[in-house]
């Protein structure tokens, strides 16, 4: 038990202390559950976005390189 709460619940074996400990444990448990759910949702979102980006990258690779075409017109490569 935190030291600042010892003045509220001085007896270590009192029913109030036990109830307080159970309440604290329950609160910590639900915080952990919420954290894990949020993390799982974030991971699902991340994998979905990563898959979308991979598809976009494949599509971009198959597109015509217009910028490269114009740069080649402006600065033609010298053939040896």
PDB file of N, CA and C in Angstrom:
ATOM      1  N   UNK A   1       0.854  -1.171   0.000  1.00  0.00           N
ATOM      2  CA  UNK A   1       0.000   0.000   0.000  1.00  0.00           C
ATOM      3  C   UNK A   1       0.901   1.235   0.000  1.00  0.00           C
ATOM      4  N   UNK A   2       0.546   2.243  -0.791  1.00  0.00           N
ATOM      5  CA  UNK A   2       1.346   3.471  -0.813  1.00  0.00           C
ATOM      6  C   UNK A   2       1.375   4.127   0.566  1.00  0.00           C
ATOM      7  N   UNK A   3       2.501   4.754   0.934  1.00  0.00           N
ATOM      8  CA  UNK A   3       2.631   5.352   2.279  1.00  0.00           C
ATOM      9  C   UNK A   3       1.593   6.427   2.572  1.00  0.00           C
ATOM     10  N   UNK A   4       1.188   7.185   1.574  1.00  0.00           N
ATOM     11  CA  UNK A   4       0.214   8.253   1.845  1.00  0.00           C
ATOM     12  C   UNK A   4      -1.170   7.708   2.191  1.00  0.00           C
ATOM     13  N   UNK A   5      -1.431   6.446   1.857  1.00  0.00           N
ATOM     14  CA  UNK A   5      -2.733   5.862   2.181  1.00  0.00           C
ATOM     15  C   UNK A   5      -2.724   5.091   3.499  1.00  0.00           C
ATOM     16  N   UNK A   6      -1.569   4.915   4.092  1.00  0.00           N
ATOM     17  CA  UNK A   6      -1.491   4.176   5.361  1.00  0.00           C
ATOM     18  C   UNK A   6      -2.220   4.890   6.491  1.00  0.00           C
ATOM     19  N   UNK A   7      -2.276   6.200   6.430  1.00  0.00           N
ATOM     20  CA  UNK A   7      -3.005   6.931   7.471  1.00  0.00           C
ATOM     21  C   UNK A   7      -4.514   6.735   7.325  1.00  0.00           C
ATOM     22  N   UNK A   8      -4.954   6.448   6.120  1.00  0.00           N
ATOM     23  CA  UNK A   8      -6.384   6.207   5.902  1.00  0.00           C
ATOM     24  C   UNK A   8      -6.746   4.797   6.352  1.00  0.00           C
ATOM     25  N   UNK A   9      -5.909   3.830   5.994  1.00  0.00           N
ATOM     26  CA  UNK A   9      -6.131   2.434   6.361  1.00  0.00           C
ATOM     27  C   UNK A   9      -4.952   1.951   7.209  1.00  0.00           C
ATOM     28  N   UNK A  10      -4.935   2.279   8.496  1.00  0.00           N
ATOM     29  CA  UNK A  10      -3.769   1.953   9.319  1.00  0.00           C
ATOM     30  C   UNK A  10      -3.577   0.460   9.555  1.00  0.00           C
ATOM     31  N   UNK A  11      -4.631  -0.312   9.679  1.00  0.00           N
ATOM     32  CA  UNK A  11      -4.505  -1.740   9.961  1.00  0.00           C
ATOM     33  C   UNK A  11      -4.280  -2.491   8.654  1.00  0.00           C
ATOM     34  N   UNK A  12      -3.265  -3.333   8.649  1.00  0.00           N
ATOM     35  CA  UNK A  12      -2.942  -4.047   7.416  1.00  0.00           C
ATOM     36  C   UNK A  12      -3.882  -5.206   7.134  1.00  0.00           C
ATOM     37  N   UNK A  13      -4.527  -5.746   8.134  1.00  0.00           N
ATOM     38  CA  UNK A  13      -5.424  -6.880   7.941  1.00  0.00           C
ATOM     39  C   UNK A  13      -6.895  -6.490   8.040  1.00  0.00           C
ATOM     40  N   UNK A  14      -7.197  -5.222   7.981  1.00  0.00           N
ATOM     41  CA  UNK A  14      -8.593  -4.799   8.112  1.00  0.00           C
ATOM     42  C   UNK A  14      -9.347  -5.075   6.808  1.00  0.00           C
ATOM     43  N   UNK A  15     -10.660  -5.236   6.904  1.00  0.00           N
ATOM     44  CA  UNK A  15     -11.465  -5.463   5.696  1.00  0.00           C
ATOM     45  C   UNK A  15     -11.366  -4.308   4.694  1.00  0.00           C
ATOM     46  N   UNK A  16     -11.220  -3.093   5.202  1.00  0.00           N
ATOM     47  CA  UNK A  16     -11.111  -1.941   4.299  1.00  0.00           C
ATOM     48  C   UNK A  16      -9.845  -2.031   3.457  1.00  0.00           C
ATOM     49  N   UNK A  17      -8.752  -2.471   4.063  1.00  0.00           N
ATOM     50  CA  UNK A  17      -7.494  -2.621   3.333  1.00  0.00           C
ATOM     51  C   UNK A  17      -7.628  -3.687   2.258  1.00  0.00           C
ATOM     52  N   UNK A  18      -8.260  -4.782   2.605  1.00  0.00           N
ATOM     53  CA  UNK A  18      -8.454  -5.864   1.641  1.00  0.00           C
ATOM     54  C   UNK A  18      -9.324  -5.401   0.471  1.00  0.00           C
ATOM     55  N   UNK A  19     -10.388  -4.682   0.777  1.00  0.00           N
ATOM     56  CA  UNK A  19     -11.266  -4.161  -0.277  1.00  0.00           C
ATOM     57  C   UNK A  19     -10.509  -3.179  -1.162  1.00  0.00           C
ATOM     58  N   UNK A  20      -9.706  -2.327  -0.528  1.00  0.00           N
ATOM     59  CA  UNK A  20      -8.919  -1.361  -1.291  1.00  0.00           C
ATOM     60  C   UNK A  20      -7.935  -2.074  -2.218  1.00  0.00           C
ATOM     61  N   UNK A  21      -7.263  -3.115  -1.723  1.00  0.00           N
ATOM     62  CA  UNK A  21      -6.315  -3.858  -2.544  1.00  0.00           C
ATOM     63  C   UNK A  21      -7.007  -4.549  -3.714  1.00  0.00           C
ATOM     64  N   UNK A  22      -8.159  -5.123  -3.460  1.00  0.00           N
ATOM     65  CA  UNK A  22      -8.925  -5.767  -4.531  1.00  0.00           C
ATOM     66  C   UNK A  22      -9.346  -4.733  -5.570  1.00  0.00           C
ATOM     67  N   UNK A  23      -9.778  -3.576  -5.092  1.00  0.00           N
ATOM     68  CA  UNK A  23     -10.178  -2.501  -6.004  1.00  0.00           C
ATOM     69  C   UNK A  23      -9.001  -2.046  -6.862  1.00  0.00           C
ATOM     70  N   UNK A  24      -7.839  -1.869  -6.230  1.00  0.00           N
ATOM     71  CA  UNK A  24      -6.633  -1.456  -6.965  1.00  0.00           C
ATOM     72  C   UNK A  24      -6.261  -2.491  -8.020  1.00  0.00           C
ATOM     73  N   UNK A  25      -6.289  -3.759  -7.632  1.00  0.00           N
ATOM     74  CA  UNK A  25      -5.942  -4.838  -8.559  1.00  0.00           C
ATOM     75  C   UNK A  25      -6.915  -4.876  -9.730  1.00  0.00           C
ATOM     76  N   UNK A  26      -8.192  -4.718  -9.437  1.00  0.00           N
ATOM     77  CA  UNK A  26      -9.202  -4.708 -10.493  1.00  0.00           C
ATOM     78  C   UNK A  26      -8.983  -3.544 -11.442  1.00  0.00           C
ATOM     79  N   UNK A  27      -8.710  -2.377 -10.899  1.00  0.00           N
ATOM     80  CA  UNK A  27      -8.471  -1.198 -11.729  1.00  0.00           C
ATOM     81  C   UNK A  27      -7.238  -1.397 -12.614  1.00  0.00           C
ATOM     82  N   UNK A  28      -6.168  -1.922 -12.047  1.00  0.00           N
ATOM     83  CA  UNK A  28      -4.951  -2.171 -12.821  1.00  0.00           C
ATOM     84  C   UNK A  28      -5.201  -3.201 -13.918  1.00  0.00           C
ATOM     85  N   UNK A  29      -6.000  -4.227 -13.598  1.00  0.00           N
ATOM     86  CA  UNK A  29      -6.327  -5.247 -14.591  1.00  0.00           C
ATOM     87  C   UNK A  29      -7.064  -4.628 -15.773  1.00  0.00           C
ATOM     88  N   UNK A  30      -8.078  -3.826 -15.506  1.00  0.00           N
ATOM     89  CA  UNK A  30      -8.841  -3.220 -16.593  1.00  0.00           C
ATOM     90  C   UNK A  30      -8.010  -2.213 -17.387  1.00  0.00           C
ATOM     91  N   UNK A  31      -7.085  -1.532 -16.727  1.00  0.00           N
ATOM     92  CA  UNK A  31      -6.173  -0.647 -17.457  1.00  0.00           C
ATOM     93  C   UNK A  31      -5.297  -1.454 -18.407  1.00  0.00           C
ATOM     94  N   UNK A  32      -4.824  -2.602 -17.949  1.00  0.00           N
ATOM     95  CA  UNK A  32      -3.991  -3.468 -18.796  1.00  0.00           C
ATOM     96  C   UNK A  32      -4.801  -4.010 -19.972  1.00  0.00           C
ATOM     97  N   UNK A  33      -6.040  -4.415 -19.722  1.00  0.00           N
ATOM     98  CA  UNK A  33      -6.904  -4.915 -20.793  1.00  0.00           C
ATOM     99  C   UNK A  33      -7.124  -3.823 -21.836  1.00  0.00           C
ATOM    100  N   UNK A  34      -7.405  -2.615 -21.381  1.00  0.00           N
ATOM    101  CA  UNK A  34      -7.626  -1.495 -22.297  1.00  0.00           C
ATOM    102  C   UNK A  34      -6.362  -1.199 -23.104  1.00  0.00           C
ATOM    103  N   UNK A  35      -5.206  -1.212 -22.436  1.00  0.00           N
ATOM    104  CA  UNK A  35      -3.939  -0.965 -23.127  1.00  0.00           C
ATOM    105  C   UNK A  35      -3.707  -2.016 -24.208  1.00  0.00           C
ATOM    106  N   UNK A  36      -3.937  -3.282 -23.890  1.00  0.00           N
ATOM    107  CA  UNK A  36      -3.711  -4.355 -24.866  1.00  0.00           C
ATOM    108  C   UNK A  36      -4.691  -4.275 -26.029  1.00  0.00           C
ATOM    109  N   UNK A  37      -5.942  -3.925 -25.748  1.00  0.00           N
ATOM    110  CA  UNK A  37      -6.918  -3.760 -26.830  1.00  0.00           C
ATOM    111  C   UNK A  37      -6.511  -2.614 -27.746  1.00  0.00           C
ATOM    112  N   UNK A  38      -6.096  -1.501 -27.164  1.00  0.00           N
ATOM    113  CA  UNK A  38      -5.647  -0.361 -27.973  1.00  0.00           C
ATOM    114  C   UNK A  38      -4.426  -0.728 -28.800  1.00  0.00           C
ATOM    115  N   UNK A  39      -3.500  -1.466 -28.213  1.00  0.00           N
ATOM    116  CA  UNK A  39      -2.302  -1.887 -28.935  1.00  0.00           C
ATOM    117  C   UNK A  39      -2.661  -2.837 -30.072  1.00  0.00           C
ATOM    118  N   UNK A  40      -3.579  -3.756 -29.819  1.00  0.00           N
ATOM    119  CA  UNK A  40      -4.012  -4.691 -30.855  1.00  0.00           C
ATOM    120  C   UNK A  40      -4.704  -3.938 -31.995  1.00  0.00           C
ATOM    121  N   UNK A  41      -5.543  -2.973 -31.660  1.00  0.00           N
ATOM    122  CA  UNK A  41      -6.194  -2.166 -32.695  1.00  0.00           C
ATOM    123  C   UNK A  41      -5.169  -1.393 -33.509  1.00  0.00           C
ATOM    124  N   UNK A  42      -4.160  -0.848 -32.831  1.00  0.00           N
ATOM    125  CA  UNK A  42      -3.100  -0.124 -33.532  1.00  0.00           C
ATOM    126  C   UNK A  42      -2.343  -1.055 -34.473  1.00  0.00           C
ATOM    127  N   UNK A  43      -2.023  -2.266 -34.016  1.00  0.00           N
ATOM    128  CA  UNK A  43      -1.298  -3.221 -34.859  1.00  0.00           C
ATOM    129  C   UNK A  43      -2.120  -3.601 -36.085  1.00  0.00           C
ATOM    130  N   UNK A  44      -3.409  -3.825 -35.906  1.00  0.00           N
ATOM    131  CA  UNK A  44      -4.271  -4.149 -37.046  1.00  0.00           C
ATOM    132  C   UNK A  44      -4.304  -2.997 -38.030  1.00  0.00           C
ATOM    133  N   UNK A  45      -4.439  -1.774 -37.530  1.00  0.00           N
ATOM    134  CA  UNK A  45      -4.434  -0.599 -38.402  1.00  0.00           C
ATOM    135  C   UNK A  45      -3.106  -0.498 -39.140  1.00  0.00           C
ATOM    136  N   UNK A  46      -2.005  -0.707 -38.436  1.00  0.00           N
ATOM    137  CA  UNK A  46      -0.671  -0.580 -39.023  1.00  0.00           C
ATOM    138  C   UNK A  46      -0.486  -1.598 -40.149  1.00  0.00           C
ATOM    139  N   UNK A  47      -0.861  -2.861 -39.924  1.00  0.00           N
ATOM    140  CA  UNK A  47      -0.708  -3.888 -40.955  1.00  0.00           C
ATOM    141  C   UNK A  47      -1.605  -3.603 -42.155  1.00  0.00           C
ATOM    142  N   UNK A  48      -2.795  -3.079 -41.902  1.00  0.00           N
ATOM    143  CA  UNK A  48      -3.703  -2.735 -42.997  1.00  0.00           C
ATOM    144  C   UNK A  48      -3.102  -1.613 -43.844  1.00  0.00           C
ATOM    145  N   UNK A  49      -2.574  -0.582 -43.208  1.00  0.00           N
ATOM    146  CA  UNK A  49      -1.949   0.537 -43.923  1.00  0.00           C
ATOM    147  C   UNK A  49      -0.696   0.066 -44.653  1.00  0.00           C
ATOM    148  N   UNK A  50       0.100  -0.798 -44.020  1.00  0.00           N
ATOM    149  CA  UNK A  50       1.315  -1.312 -44.663  1.00  0.00           C
ATOM    150  C   UNK A  50       0.963  -2.103 -45.918  1.00  0.00           C
ATOM    151  N   UNK A  51      -0.083  -2.911 -45.849  1.00  0.00           N
ATOM    152  CA  UNK A  51      -0.523  -3.673 -47.020  1.00  0.00           C
ATOM    153  C   UNK A  51      -0.993  -2.727 -48.124  1.00  0.00           C
ATOM    154  N   UNK A  52      -1.735  -1.697 -47.749  1.00  0.00           N
ATOM    155  CA  UNK A  52      -2.204  -0.705 -48.720  1.00  0.00           C
ATOM    156  C   UNK A  52      -1.015  -0.006 -49.375  1.00  0.00           C
ATOM    157  N   UNK A  53      -0.007   0.344 -48.596  1.00  0.00           N
ATOM    158  CA  UNK A  53       1.176   1.010 -49.142  1.00  0.00           C
ATOM    159  C   UNK A  53       1.950   0.091 -50.078  1.00  0.00           C
ATOM    160  N   UNK A  54       2.009  -1.202 -49.754  1.00  0.00           N
ATOM    161  CA  UNK A  54       2.680  -2.154 -50.639  1.00  0.00           C
ATOM    162  C   UNK A  54       1.966  -2.238 -51.985  1.00  0.00           C
ATOM    163  N   UNK A  55       0.640  -2.252 -51.956  1.00  0.00           N
ATOM    164  CA  UNK A  55      -0.132  -2.284 -53.206  1.00  0.00           C
ATOM    165  C   UNK A  55       0.096  -1.014 -54.013  1.00  0.00           C
ATOM    166  N   UNK A  56       0.106   0.133 -53.336  1.00  0.00           N
ATOM    167  CA  UNK A  56       0.348   1.399 -54.025  1.00  0.00           C
ATOM    168  C   UNK A  56       1.751   1.433 -54.625  1.00  0.00           C
ATOM    169  N   UNK A  57       2.727   0.896 -53.913  1.00  0.00           N
ATOM    170  CA  UNK A  57       4.100   0.861 -54.413  1.00  0.00           C
ATOM    171  C   UNK A  57       4.195  -0.007 -55.661  1.00  0.00           C
ATOM    172  N   UNK A  58       3.560  -1.167 -55.646  1.00  0.00           N
ATOM    173  CA  UNK A  58       3.572  -2.032 -56.827  1.00  0.00           C
ATOM    174  C   UNK A  58       2.918  -1.334 -58.017  1.00  0.00           C
ATOM    175  N   UNK A  59       1.835  -0.629 -57.763  1.00  0.00           N
ATOM    176  CA  UNK A  59       1.153   0.101 -58.832  1.00  0.00           C
ATOM    177  C   UNK A  59       2.050   1.214 -59.365  1.00  0.00           C
ATOM    178  N   UNK A  60       2.726   1.927 -58.473  1.00  0.00           N
ATOM    179  CA  UNK A  60       3.615   3.011 -58.899  1.00  0.00           C
ATOM    180  C   UNK A  60       4.784   2.472 -59.715  1.00  0.00           C
ATOM    181  N   UNK A  61       5.289   1.305 -59.373  1.00  0.00           N
ATOM    182  CA  UNK A  61       6.406   0.715 -60.115  1.00  0.00           C
ATOM    183  C   UNK A  61       6.003   0.333 -61.532  1.00  0.00           C
ATOM    184  N   UNK A  62       4.736   0.006 -61.722  1.00  0.00           N
ATOM    185  CA  UNK A  62       4.285  -0.376 -63.061  1.00  0.00           C
ATOM    186  C   UNK A  62       3.840   0.832 -63.888  1.00  0.00           C
ATOM    187  N   UNK A  63       3.722   1.999 -63.260  1.00  0.00           N
ATOM    188  CA  UNK A  63       3.349   3.213 -63.995  1.00  0.00           C
ATOM    189  C   UNK A  63       4.512   3.709 -64.844  1.00  0.00           C
ATOM    190  N   UNK A  64       4.192   4.526 -65.827  1.00  0.00           N
ATOM    191  CA  UNK A  64       5.206   5.135 -66.679  1.00  0.00           C
ATOM    192  C   UNK A  64       5.932   6.212 -65.878  1.00  0.00           C
ATOM    193  N   UNK A  65       7.245   6.250 -66.028  1.00  0.00           N
ATOM    194  CA  UNK A  65       8.065   7.231 -65.327  1.00  0.00           C
ATOM    195  C   UNK A  65       8.117   8.506 -66.172  1.00  0.00           C
ATOM    196  N   UNK A  66       7.132   9.368 -66.003  1.00  0.00           N
ATOM    197  CA  UNK A  66       7.030  10.591 -66.807  1.00  0.00           C
ATOM    198  C   UNK A  66       8.172  11.544 -66.485  1.00  0.00           C
ATOM    199  N   UNK A  67       8.500  11.699 -65.229  1.00  0.00           N
ATOM    200  CA  UNK A  67       9.579  12.602 -64.846  1.00  0.00           C
ATOM    201  C   UNK A  67      10.899  12.148 -65.467  1.00  0.00           C
ATOM    202  N   UNK A  68      11.165  10.861 -65.426  1.00  0.00           N
ATOM    203  CA  UNK A  68      12.386  10.336 -66.035  1.00  0.00           C
ATOM    204  C   UNK A  68      12.418  10.578 -67.526  1.00  0.00           C
ATOM    205  N   UNK A  69      11.278  10.464 -68.177  1.00  0.00           N
ATOM    206  CA  UNK A  69      11.192  10.708 -69.620  1.00  0.00           C
ATOM    207  C   UNK A  69      11.559  12.152 -69.936  1.00  0.00           C
ATOM    208  N   UNK A  70      10.982  13.103 -69.189  1.00  0.00           N
ATOM    209  CA  UNK A  70      11.278  14.513 -69.443  1.00  0.00           C
ATOM    210  C   UNK A  70      12.719  14.870 -69.075  1.00  0.00           C
ATOM    211  N   UNK A  71      13.220  14.300 -68.017  1.00  0.00           N
ATOM    212  CA  UNK A  71      14.614  14.561 -67.651  1.00  0.00           C
ATOM    213  C   UNK A  71      15.561  14.027 -68.719  1.00  0.00           C
ATOM    214  N   UNK A  72      15.200  12.932 -69.338  1.00  0.00           N
ATOM    215  CA  UNK A  72      16.023  12.358 -70.396  1.00  0.00           C
ATOM    216  C   UNK A  72      16.014  13.260 -71.628  1.00  0.00           C
ATOM    217  N   UNK A  73      14.896  13.927 -71.883  1.00  0.00           N
ATOM    218  CA  UNK A  73      14.827  14.863 -73.010  1.00  0.00           C
ATOM    219  C   UNK A  73      15.693  16.088 -72.749  1.00  0.00           C
ATOM    220  N   UNK A  74      15.701  16.554 -71.503  1.00  0.00           N
ATOM    221  CA  UNK A  74      16.467  17.755 -71.158  1.00  0.00           C
ATOM    222  C   UNK A  74      17.959  17.439 -71.084  1.00  0.00           C
ATOM    223  N   UNK A  75      18.301  16.335 -70.441  1.00  0.00           N
ATOM    224  CA  UNK A  75      19.702  15.944 -70.260  1.00  0.00           C
ATOM    225  C   UNK A  75      19.903  14.549 -70.836  1.00  0.00           C
ATOM    226  N   UNK A  76      20.072  14.433 -72.138  1.00  0.00           N
ATOM    227  CA  UNK A  76      20.243  13.091 -72.725  1.00  0.00           C
ATOM    228  C   UNK A  76      21.550  12.452 -72.257  1.00  0.00           C
ATOM    229  N   UNK A  77      21.496  11.147 -72.106  1.00  0.00           N
ATOM    230  CA  UNK A  77      22.688  10.409 -71.689  1.00  0.00           C
ATOM    231  C   UNK A  77      23.654  10.331 -72.864  1.00  0.00           C
ATOM    232  N   UNK A  78      24.904  10.500 -72.562  1.00  0.00           N
ATOM    233  CA  UNK A  78      25.936  10.441 -73.594  1.00  0.00           C
ATOM    234  C   UNK A  78      26.314   8.984 -73.792  1.00  0.00           C
ATOM    235  N   UNK A  79      26.189   8.507 -75.053  1.00  0.00           N
ATOM    236  CA  UNK A  79      26.554   7.125 -75.363  1.00  0.00           C
ATOM    237  C   UNK A  79      28.032   7.071 -75.695  1.00  0.00           C
ATOM    238  N   UNK A  80      28.715   6.082 -75.193  1.00  0.00           N
ATOM    239  CA  UNK A  80      30.150   5.939 -75.444  1.00  0.00           C
ATOM    240  C   UNK A  80      30.398   4.956 -76.547  1.00  0.00           C
TER     241      UNK A  80
END
